PDB file of N, CA and C in Angstrom:
ATOM      1  N   MET A   1       0.848  -1.181   0.000  1.00  0.00           N
ATOM      2  CA  MET A   1       0.000   0.000   0.000  1.00  0.00           C
ATOM      3  C   MET A   1       0.892   1.242   0.000  1.00  0.00           C
ATOM      4  N   THR A   2       0.506   2.187  -0.813  1.00  0.00           N
ATOM      5  CA  THR A   2       1.244   3.437  -0.929  1.00  0.00           C
ATOM      6  C   THR A   2       0.288   4.591  -0.682  1.00  0.00           C
ATOM      7  N   THR A   3       0.781   5.629  -0.029  1.00  0.00           N
ATOM      8  CA  THR A   3      -0.008   6.827   0.209  1.00  0.00           C
ATOM      9  C   THR A   3       0.402   7.883  -0.808  1.00  0.00           C
ATOM     10  N   TYR A   4      -0.596   8.530  -1.391  1.00  0.00           N
ATOM     11  CA  TYR A   4      -0.370   9.532  -2.430  1.00  0.00           C
ATOM     12  C   TYR A   4      -1.044  10.847  -2.049  1.00  0.00           C
ATOM     13  N   ARG A   5      -0.426  11.949  -2.469  1.00  0.00           N
ATOM     14  CA  ARG A   5      -1.058  13.269  -2.383  1.00  0.00           C
ATOM     15  C   ARG A   5      -1.426  13.657  -3.811  1.00  0.00           C
ATOM     16  N   VAL A   6      -2.688  13.995  -4.016  1.00  0.00           N
ATOM     17  CA  VAL A   6      -3.181  14.357  -5.344  1.00  0.00           C
ATOM     18  C   VAL A   6      -3.619  15.817  -5.302  1.00  0.00           C
ATOM     19  N   GLN A   7      -2.969  16.647  -6.119  1.00  0.00           N
ATOM     20  CA  GLN A   7      -3.300  18.067  -6.215  1.00  0.00           C
ATOM     21  C   GLN A   7      -3.940  18.304  -7.581  1.00  0.00           C
ATOM     22  N   PHE A   8      -5.134  18.865  -7.572  1.00  0.00           N
ATOM     23  CA  PHE A   8      -5.906  19.042  -8.790  1.00  0.00           C
ATOM     24  C   PHE A   8      -5.680  20.424  -9.385  1.00  0.00           C
ATOM     25  N   GLY A   9      -5.751  20.493 -10.696  1.00  0.00           N
ATOM     26  CA  GLY A   9      -5.578  21.748 -11.421  1.00  0.00           C
ATOM     27  C   GLY A   9      -6.892  22.484 -11.600  1.00  0.00           C
ATOM     28  N   LYS A  10      -6.870  23.395 -12.556  1.00  0.00           N
ATOM     29  CA  LYS A  10      -8.020  24.251 -12.835  1.00  0.00           C
ATOM     30  C   LYS A  10      -9.129  23.518 -13.574  1.00  0.00           C
ATOM     31  N   LEU A  11     -10.335  23.925 -13.259  1.00  0.00           N
ATOM     32  CA  LEU A  11     -11.521  23.519 -14.005  1.00  0.00           C
ATOM     33  C   LEU A  11     -12.374  24.771 -14.105  1.00  0.00           C
ATOM     34  N   GLY A  12     -12.583  25.271 -15.306  1.00  0.00           N
ATOM     35  CA  GLY A  12     -13.228  26.568 -15.465  1.00  0.00           C
ATOM     36  C   GLY A  12     -12.242  27.645 -15.050  1.00  0.00           C
ATOM     37  N   ASP A  13     -12.685  28.553 -14.201  1.00  0.00           N
ATOM     38  CA  ASP A  13     -11.826  29.656 -13.761  1.00  0.00           C
ATOM     39  C   ASP A  13     -11.256  29.453 -12.366  1.00  0.00           C
ATOM     40  N   ASP A  14     -11.439  28.282 -11.789  1.00  0.00           N
ATOM     41  CA  ASP A  14     -11.080  28.081 -10.386  1.00  0.00           C
ATOM     42  C   ASP A  14     -10.437  26.711 -10.181  1.00  0.00           C
ATOM     43  N   PHE A  15     -10.072  26.434  -8.955  1.00  0.00           N
ATOM     44  CA  PHE A  15      -9.527  25.143  -8.531  1.00  0.00           C
ATOM     45  C   PHE A  15     -10.546  24.517  -7.574  1.00  0.00           C
ATOM     46  N   PRO A  16     -11.609  23.896  -8.112  1.00  0.00           N
ATOM     47  CA  PRO A  16     -12.731  23.472  -7.269  1.00  0.00           C
ATOM     48  C   PRO A  16     -12.498  22.213  -6.440  1.00  0.00           C
ATOM     49  N   VAL A  17     -11.498  21.402  -6.787  1.00  0.00           N
ATOM     50  CA  VAL A  17     -11.314  20.120  -6.106  1.00  0.00           C
ATOM     51  C   VAL A  17     -10.176  20.240  -5.095  1.00  0.00           C
ATOM     52  N   PRO A  18     -10.464  20.024  -3.804  1.00  0.00           N
ATOM     53  CA  PRO A  18      -9.406  20.105  -2.795  1.00  0.00           C
ATOM     54  C   PRO A  18      -8.409  18.951  -2.929  1.00  0.00           C
ATOM     55  N   THR A  19      -7.237  19.159  -2.369  1.00  0.00           N
ATOM     56  CA  THR A  19      -6.186  18.142  -2.376  1.00  0.00           C
ATOM     57  C   THR A  19      -6.684  16.877  -1.688  1.00  0.00           C
ATOM     58  N   LEU A  20      -6.285  15.743  -2.226  1.00  0.00           N
ATOM     59  CA  LEU A  20      -6.668  14.433  -1.696  1.00  0.00           C
ATOM     60  C   LEU A  20      -5.422  13.701  -1.227  1.00  0.00           C
ATOM     61  N   THR A  21      -5.496  13.083  -0.056  1.00  0.00           N
ATOM     62  CA  THR A  21      -4.478  12.138   0.393  1.00  0.00           C
ATOM     63  C   THR A  21      -5.145  10.773   0.397  1.00  0.00           C
ATOM     64  N   ALA A  22      -4.591   9.846  -0.383  1.00  0.00           N
ATOM     65  CA  ALA A  22      -5.219   8.531  -0.553  1.00  0.00           C
ATOM     66  C   ALA A  22      -4.185   7.432  -0.392  1.00  0.00           C
ATOM     67  N   THR A  23      -4.589   6.346   0.244  1.00  0.00           N
ATOM     68  CA  THR A  23      -3.753   5.154   0.358  1.00  0.00           C
ATOM     69  C   THR A  23      -4.371   4.090  -0.533  1.00  0.00           C
ATOM     70  N   ALA A  24      -3.553   3.579  -1.455  1.00  0.00           N
ATOM     71  CA  ALA A  24      -4.073   2.629  -2.439  1.00  0.00           C
ATOM     72  C   ALA A  24      -3.117   1.462  -2.623  1.00  0.00           C
ATOM     73  N   ALA A  25      -3.687   0.303  -2.922  1.00  0.00           N
ATOM     74  CA  ALA A  25      -2.901  -0.910  -3.141  1.00  0.00           C
ATOM     75  C   ALA A  25      -2.431  -1.026  -4.587  1.00  0.00           C
ATOM     76  N   ASN A  26      -3.178  -0.397  -5.516  1.00  0.00           N
ATOM     77  CA  ASN A  26      -2.817  -0.485  -6.932  1.00  0.00           C
ATOM     78  C   ASN A  26      -3.386   0.719  -7.673  1.00  0.00           C
ATOM     79  N   ARG A  27      -3.057   0.831  -8.953  1.00  0.00           N
ATOM     80  CA  ARG A  27      -3.477   2.005  -9.727  1.00  0.00           C
ATOM     81  C   ARG A  27      -4.993   2.072  -9.916  1.00  0.00           C
ATOM     82  N   ASP A  28      -5.666   0.930 -10.029  1.00  0.00           N
ATOM     83  CA  ASP A  28      -7.124   0.945 -10.177  1.00  0.00           C
ATOM     84  C   ASP A  28      -7.796   1.508  -8.932  1.00  0.00           C
ATOM     85  N   ASP A  29      -7.309   1.094  -7.772  1.00  0.00           N
ATOM     86  CA  ASP A  29      -7.851   1.594  -6.511  1.00  0.00           C
ATOM     87  C   ASP A  29      -7.612   3.101  -6.396  1.00  0.00           C
ATOM     88  N   LEU A  30      -6.434   3.558  -6.772  1.00  0.00           N
ATOM     89  CA  LEU A  30      -6.128   4.990  -6.721  1.00  0.00           C
ATOM     90  C   LEU A  30      -7.056   5.770  -7.658  1.00  0.00           C
ATOM     91  N   CYS A  31      -7.254   5.282  -8.868  1.00  0.00           N
ATOM     92  CA  CYS A  31      -8.165   5.948  -9.819  1.00  0.00           C
ATOM     93  C   CYS A  31      -9.577   6.052  -9.258  1.00  0.00           C
ATOM     94  N   ARG A  32     -10.065   4.974  -8.662  1.00  0.00           N
ATOM     95  CA  ARG A  32     -11.414   4.985  -8.082  1.00  0.00           C
ATOM     96  C   ARG A  32     -11.527   6.031  -6.982  1.00  0.00           C
ATOM     97  N   GLN A  33     -10.521   6.076  -6.113  1.00  0.00           N
ATOM     98  CA  GLN A  33     -10.559   7.049  -5.022  1.00  0.00           C
ATOM     99  C   GLN A  33     -10.524   8.483  -5.552  1.00  0.00           C
ATOM    100  N   ILE A  34      -9.715   8.723  -6.566  1.00  0.00           N
ATOM    101  CA  ILE A  34      -9.635  10.062  -7.165  1.00  0.00           C
ATOM    102  C   ILE A  34     -10.981  10.436  -7.778  1.00  0.00           C
ATOM    103  N   GLN A  35     -11.582   9.531  -8.534  1.00  0.00           N
ATOM    104  CA  GLN A  35     -12.887   9.793  -9.154  1.00  0.00           C
ATOM    105  C   GLN A  35     -13.949  10.083  -8.108  1.00  0.00           C
ATOM    106  N   ASN A  36     -14.024   9.258  -7.075  1.00  0.00           N
ATOM    107  CA  ASN A  36     -15.042   9.445  -6.035  1.00  0.00           C
ATOM    108  C   ASN A  36     -14.849  10.754  -5.279  1.00  0.00           C
ATOM    109  N   HIS A  37     -13.611  11.163  -5.095  1.00  0.00           N
ATOM    110  CA  HIS A  37     -13.320  12.416  -4.397  1.00  0.00           C
ATOM    111  C   HIS A  37     -13.665  13.629  -5.269  1.00  0.00           C
ATOM    112  N   ALA A  38     -13.311  13.570  -6.543  1.00  0.00           N
ATOM    113  CA  ALA A  38     -13.419  14.748  -7.409  1.00  0.00           C
ATOM    114  C   ALA A  38     -14.820  15.004  -7.954  1.00  0.00           C
ATOM    115  N   ARG A  39     -15.586  13.963  -8.211  1.00  0.00           N
ATOM    116  CA  ARG A  39     -16.883  14.135  -8.896  1.00  0.00           C
ATOM    117  C   ARG A  39     -17.825  15.132  -8.226  1.00  0.00           C
ATOM    118  N   PRO A  40     -18.038  15.070  -6.910  1.00  0.00           N
ATOM    119  CA  PRO A  40     -18.971  16.039  -6.311  1.00  0.00           C
ATOM    120  C   PRO A  40     -18.506  17.490  -6.468  1.00  0.00           C
ATOM    121  N   HIS A  41     -17.197  17.700  -6.546  1.00  0.00           N
ATOM    122  CA  HIS A  41     -16.658  19.055  -6.696  1.00  0.00           C
ATOM    123  C   HIS A  41     -16.694  19.507  -8.159  1.00  0.00           C
ATOM    124  N   MET A  42     -16.583  18.551  -9.085  1.00  0.00           N
ATOM    125  CA  MET A  42     -16.594  18.867 -10.517  1.00  0.00           C
ATOM    126  C   MET A  42     -17.991  19.192 -11.021  1.00  0.00           C
ATOM    127  N   LEU A  43     -18.999  18.509 -10.512  1.00  0.00           N
ATOM    128  CA  LEU A  43     -20.354  18.614 -11.059  1.00  0.00           C
ATOM    129  C   LEU A  43     -20.879  20.050 -11.131  1.00  0.00           C
ATOM    130  N   PRO A  44     -20.797  20.864 -10.059  1.00  0.00           N
ATOM    131  CA  PRO A  44     -21.317  22.236 -10.177  1.00  0.00           C
ATOM    132  C   PRO A  44     -20.591  23.055 -11.249  1.00  0.00           C
ATOM    133  N   VAL A  45     -19.287  22.872 -11.372  1.00  0.00           N
ATOM    134  CA  VAL A  45     -18.514  23.631 -12.358  1.00  0.00           C
ATOM    135  C   VAL A  45     -18.863  23.171 -13.767  1.00  0.00           C
ATOM    136  N   LEU A  46     -18.929  21.861 -13.970  1.00  0.00           N
ATOM    137  CA  LEU A  46     -19.277  21.339 -15.290  1.00  0.00           C
ATOM    138  C   LEU A  46     -20.703  21.717 -15.684  1.00  0.00           C
ATOM    139  N   THR A  47     -21.608  21.774 -14.712  1.00  0.00           N
ATOM    140  CA  THR A  47     -22.978  22.210 -14.976  1.00  0.00           C
ATOM    141  C   THR A  47     -22.983  23.666 -15.425  1.00  0.00           C
ATOM    142  N   GLU A  48     -22.212  24.485 -14.737  1.00  0.00           N
ATOM    143  CA  GLU A  48     -22.100  25.901 -15.094  1.00  0.00           C
ATOM    144  C   GLU A  48     -21.519  26.077 -16.501  1.00  0.00           C
ATOM    145  N   LEU A  49     -20.621  25.180 -16.885  1.00  0.00           N
ATOM    146  CA  LEU A  49     -20.007  25.232 -18.211  1.00  0.00           C
ATOM    147  C   LEU A  49     -20.881  24.589 -19.292  1.00  0.00           C
ATOM    148  N   GLY A  50     -22.043  24.044 -18.874  1.00  0.00           N
ATOM    149  CA  GLY A  50     -22.962  23.434 -19.826  1.00  0.00           C
ATOM    150  C   GLY A  50     -22.633  22.001 -20.195  1.00  0.00           C
ATOM    151  N   ARG A  51     -21.802  21.336 -19.399  1.00  0.00           N
ATOM    152  CA  ARG A  51     -21.403  19.947 -19.684  1.00  0.00           C
ATOM    153  C   ARG A  51     -21.520  19.058 -18.447  1.00  0.00           C
ATOM    154  N   PRO A  52     -22.670  19.018 -17.767  1.00  0.00           N
ATOM    155  CA  PRO A  52     -22.783  18.227 -16.537  1.00  0.00           C
ATOM    156  C   PRO A  52     -22.569  16.732 -16.758  1.00  0.00           C
ATOM    157  N   GLU A  53     -22.843  16.243 -17.966  1.00  0.00           N
ATOM    158  CA  GLU A  53     -22.691  14.814 -18.246  1.00  0.00           C
ATOM    159  C   GLU A  53     -21.244  14.349 -18.117  1.00  0.00           C
ATOM    160  N   LEU A  54     -20.292  15.259 -18.253  1.00  0.00           N
ATOM    161  CA  LEU A  54     -18.884  14.863 -18.151  1.00  0.00           C
ATOM    162  C   LEU A  54     -18.521  14.354 -16.753  1.00  0.00           C
ATOM    163  N   ALA A  55     -19.242  14.787 -15.738  1.00  0.00           N
ATOM    164  CA  ALA A  55     -18.952  14.328 -14.376  1.00  0.00           C
ATOM    165  C   ALA A  55     -19.200  12.833 -14.234  1.00  0.00           C
ATOM    166  N   ASP A  56     -20.219  12.323 -14.913  1.00  0.00           N
ATOM    167  CA  ASP A  56     -20.560  10.902 -14.800  1.00  0.00           C
ATOM    168  C   ASP A  56     -20.012  10.050 -15.932  1.00  0.00           C
ATOM    169  N   GLN A  57     -19.669  10.665 -17.042  1.00  0.00           N
ATOM    170  CA  GLN A  57     -19.237   9.901 -18.209  1.00  0.00           C
ATOM    171  C   GLN A  57     -17.735   9.990 -18.436  1.00  0.00           C
ATOM    172  N   SER A  58     -16.987  10.250 -17.402  1.00  0.00           N
ATOM    173  CA  SER A  58     -15.542  10.367 -17.550  1.00  0.00           C
ATOM    174  C   SER A  58     -14.848   9.402 -16.599  1.00  0.00           C
ATOM    175  N   PHE A  59     -13.586   9.183 -16.859  1.00  0.00           N
ATOM    176  CA  PHE A  59     -12.774   8.349 -15.982  1.00  0.00           C
ATOM    177  C   PHE A  59     -11.424   9.022 -15.794  1.00  0.00           C
ATOM    178  N   PHE A  60     -10.732   8.646 -14.721  1.00  0.00           N
ATOM    179  CA  PHE A  60      -9.437   9.249 -14.437  1.00  0.00           C
ATOM    180  C   PHE A  60      -8.344   8.391 -15.045  1.00  0.00           C
ATOM    181  N   HIS A  61      -7.470   9.027 -15.798  1.00  0.00           N
ATOM    182  CA  HIS A  61      -6.352   8.345 -16.464  1.00  0.00           C
ATOM    183  C   HIS A  61      -5.044   8.749 -15.787  1.00  0.00           C
ATOM    184  N   LEU A  62      -4.299   7.753 -15.304  1.00  0.00           N
ATOM    185  CA  LEU A  62      -3.001   7.993 -14.666  1.00  0.00           C
ATOM    186  C   LEU A  62      -1.880   7.889 -15.686  1.00  0.00           C
ATOM    187  N   THR A  63      -0.825   8.671 -15.491  1.00  0.00           N
ATOM    188  CA  THR A  63       0.370   8.502 -16.308  1.00  0.00           C
ATOM    189  C   THR A  63       1.040   7.193 -15.904  1.00  0.00           C
ATOM    190  N   PRO A  64       1.828   6.590 -16.794  1.00  0.00           N
ATOM    191  CA  PRO A  64       2.475   5.309 -16.468  1.00  0.00           C
ATOM    192  C   PRO A  64       3.344   5.353 -15.209  1.00  0.00           C
ATOM    193  N   ASP A  65       3.961   6.502 -14.930  1.00  0.00           N
ATOM    194  CA  ASP A  65       4.837   6.597 -13.757  1.00  0.00           C
ATOM    195  C   ASP A  65       4.112   7.069 -12.492  1.00  0.00           C
ATOM    196  N   LEU A  66       2.793   7.193 -12.557  1.00  0.00           N
ATOM    197  CA  LEU A  66       1.941   7.590 -11.418  1.00  0.00           C
ATOM    198  C   LEU A  66       2.306   8.955 -10.837  1.00  0.00           C
ATOM    199  N   THR A  67       2.744   9.885 -11.671  1.00  0.00           N
ATOM    200  CA  THR A  67       3.068  11.226 -11.188  1.00  0.00           C
ATOM    201  C   THR A  67       2.042  12.264 -11.620  1.00  0.00           C
ATOM    202  N   GLY A  68       1.052  11.861 -12.378  1.00  0.00           N
ATOM    203  CA  GLY A  68       0.036  12.797 -12.841  1.00  0.00           C
ATOM    204  C   GLY A  68      -1.118  12.070 -13.485  1.00  0.00           C
ATOM    205  N   GLY A  69      -2.083  12.842 -13.914  1.00  0.00           N
ATOM    206  CA  GLY A  69      -3.235  12.267 -14.583  1.00  0.00           C
ATOM    207  C   GLY A  69      -4.226  13.342 -14.950  1.00  0.00           C
ATOM    208  N   GLN A  70      -5.337  12.909 -15.517  1.00  0.00           N
ATOM    209  CA  GLN A  70      -6.393  13.819 -15.929  1.00  0.00           C
ATOM    210  C   GLN A  70      -7.674  13.022 -16.140  1.00  0.00           C
ATOM    211  N   PHE A  71      -8.772  13.729 -16.138  1.00  0.00           N
ATOM    212  CA  PHE A  71     -10.038  13.085 -16.457  1.00  0.00           C
ATOM    213  C   PHE A  71     -10.205  13.047 -17.969  1.00  0.00           C
ATOM    214  N   LEU A  72     -10.741  11.943 -18.462  1.00  0.00           N
ATOM    215  CA  LEU A  72     -11.012  11.761 -19.884  1.00  0.00           C
ATOM    216  C   LEU A  72     -12.484  11.422 -20.065  1.00  0.00           C
ATOM    217  N   ALA A  73     -13.085  12.028 -21.065  1.00  0.00           N
ATOM    218  CA  ALA A  73     -14.454  11.692 -21.455  1.00  0.00           C
ATOM    219  C   ALA A  73     -14.427  11.379 -22.939  1.00  0.00           C
ATOM    220  N   LEU A  74     -14.972  10.233 -23.312  1.00  0.00           N
ATOM    221  CA  LEU A  74     -14.978   9.802 -24.707  1.00  0.00           C
ATOM    222  C   LEU A  74     -16.404   9.565 -25.174  1.00  0.00           C
ATOM    223  N   SER A  75     -16.700   9.988 -26.385  1.00  0.00           N
ATOM    224  CA  SER A  75     -17.990   9.704 -27.010  1.00  0.00           C
ATOM    225  C   SER A  75     -17.726   8.870 -28.247  1.00  0.00           C
ATOM    226  N   LEU A  76     -17.986   7.577 -28.144  1.00  0.00           N
ATOM    227  CA  LEU A  76     -17.783   6.699 -29.289  1.00  0.00           C
ATOM    228  C   LEU A  76     -18.779   7.016 -30.401  1.00  0.00           C
ATOM    229  N   ALA A  77     -19.982   7.411 -30.031  1.00  0.00           N
ATOM    230  CA  ALA A  77     -21.011   7.725 -31.020  1.00  0.00           C
ATOM    231  C   ALA A  77     -20.625   8.928 -31.879  1.00  0.00           C
ATOM    232  N   HIS A  78     -19.992   9.906 -31.246  1.00  0.00           N
ATOM    233  CA  HIS A  78     -19.621  11.126 -31.969  1.00  0.00           C
ATOM    234  C   HIS A  78     -18.154  11.146 -32.385  1.00  0.00           C
ATOM    235  N   GLY A  79     -17.385  10.199 -31.904  1.00  0.00           N
ATOM    236  CA  GLY A  79     -15.964  10.168 -32.231  1.00  0.00           C
ATOM    237  C   GLY A  79     -15.190  11.332 -31.648  1.00  0.00           C
ATOM    238  N   THR A  80     -15.599  11.779 -30.460  1.00  0.00           N
ATOM    239  CA  THR A  80     -14.942  12.917 -29.823  1.00  0.00           C
ATOM    240  C   THR A  80     -14.470  12.544 -28.428  1.00  0.00           C
ATOM    241  N   GLY A  81     -13.636  13.387 -27.882  1.00  0.00           N
ATOM    242  CA  GLY A  81     -13.154  13.183 -26.525  1.00  0.00           C
ATOM    243  C   GLY A  81     -12.775  14.511 -25.901  1.00  0.00           C
ATOM    244  N   ALA A  82     -12.633  14.505 -24.595  1.00  0.00           N
ATOM    245  CA  ALA A  82     -12.236  15.705 -23.871  1.00  0.00           C
ATOM    246  C   ALA A  82     -11.327  15.306 -22.718  1.00  0.00           C
ATOM    247  N   ARG A  83     -10.288  16.104 -22.514  1.00  0.00           N
ATOM    248  CA  ARG A  83      -9.410  15.943 -21.356  1.00  0.00           C
ATOM    249  C   ARG A  83      -9.601  17.171 -20.478  1.00  0.00           C
ATOM    250  N   PHE A  84      -9.733  16.953 -19.173  1.00  0.00           N
ATOM    251  CA  PHE A  84      -9.931  18.082 -18.275  1.00  0.00           C
ATOM    252  C   PHE A  84      -9.490  17.720 -16.864  1.00  0.00           C
ATOM    253  N   LEU A  85      -9.386  18.715 -16.037  1.00  0.00           N
ATOM    254  CA  LEU A  85      -8.986  18.622 -14.634  1.00  0.00           C
ATOM    255  C   LEU A  85      -7.708  17.799 -14.449  1.00  0.00           C
ATOM    256  N   PRO A  86      -6.574  18.363 -14.851  1.00  0.00           N
ATOM    257  CA  PRO A  86      -5.306  17.665 -14.642  1.00  0.00           C
ATOM    258  C   PRO A  86      -4.981  17.573 -13.153  1.00  0.00           C
ATOM    259  N   ALA A  87      -4.140  16.617 -12.812  1.00  0.00           N
ATOM    260  CA  ALA A  87      -3.745  16.441 -11.412  1.00  0.00           C
ATOM    261  C   ALA A  87      -2.273  16.058 -11.331  1.00  0.00           C
ATOM    262  N   ARG A  88      -1.627  16.535 -10.289  1.00  0.00           N
ATOM    263  CA  ARG A  88      -0.250  16.161  -9.977  1.00  0.00           C
ATOM    264  C   ARG A  88      -0.314  15.170  -8.816  1.00  0.00           C
ATOM    265  N   ILE A  89       0.432  14.078  -8.922  1.00  0.00           N
ATOM    266  CA  ILE A  89       0.389  13.022  -7.912  1.00  0.00           C
ATOM    267  C   ILE A  89       1.788  12.799  -7.363  1.00  0.00           C
ATOM    268  N   GLU A  90       1.864  12.725  -6.039  1.00  0.00           N
ATOM    269  CA  GLU A  90       3.143  12.521  -5.364  1.00  0.00           C
ATOM    270  C   GLU A  90       3.010  11.350  -4.393  1.00  0.00           C
ATOM    271  N   ALA A  91       3.907  10.386  -4.500  1.00  0.00           N
ATOM    272  CA  ALA A  91       3.922   9.265  -3.551  1.00  0.00           C
ATOM    273  C   ALA A  91       4.548   9.754  -2.249  1.00  0.00           C
ATOM    274  N   LEU A  92       3.849   9.536  -1.135  1.00  0.00           N
ATOM    275  CA  LEU A  92       4.343   9.990   0.166  1.00  0.00           C
ATOM    276  C   LEU A  92       5.045   8.881   0.929  1.00  0.00           C
ATOM    277  N   ALA A  93       4.534   7.653   0.829  1.00  0.00           N
ATOM    278  CA  ALA A  93       5.152   6.537   1.565  1.00  0.00           C
ATOM    279  C   ALA A  93       4.810   5.229   0.898  1.00  0.00           C
TER     280      ALA A  93
END
């Protein structure tokens, strides 16, 4: 198990998601914790931007070295995608 500090970037004109400290056994567990933490904070901003569906239709993508990531939303029907809310990740222990 490793403990990580996750610092989120801008979404809209602000930094709506507070820093998260999470202990995870693997990358899937870390992604789930990040998603569950960020979604309630993202929804009001995404609603204001006219894209509330992105809060539920996105997933968190980690870099291979686990030092960063971002939310991704893909529309297979429309052949489009969006990247938003970047994050910096630091292993603490």
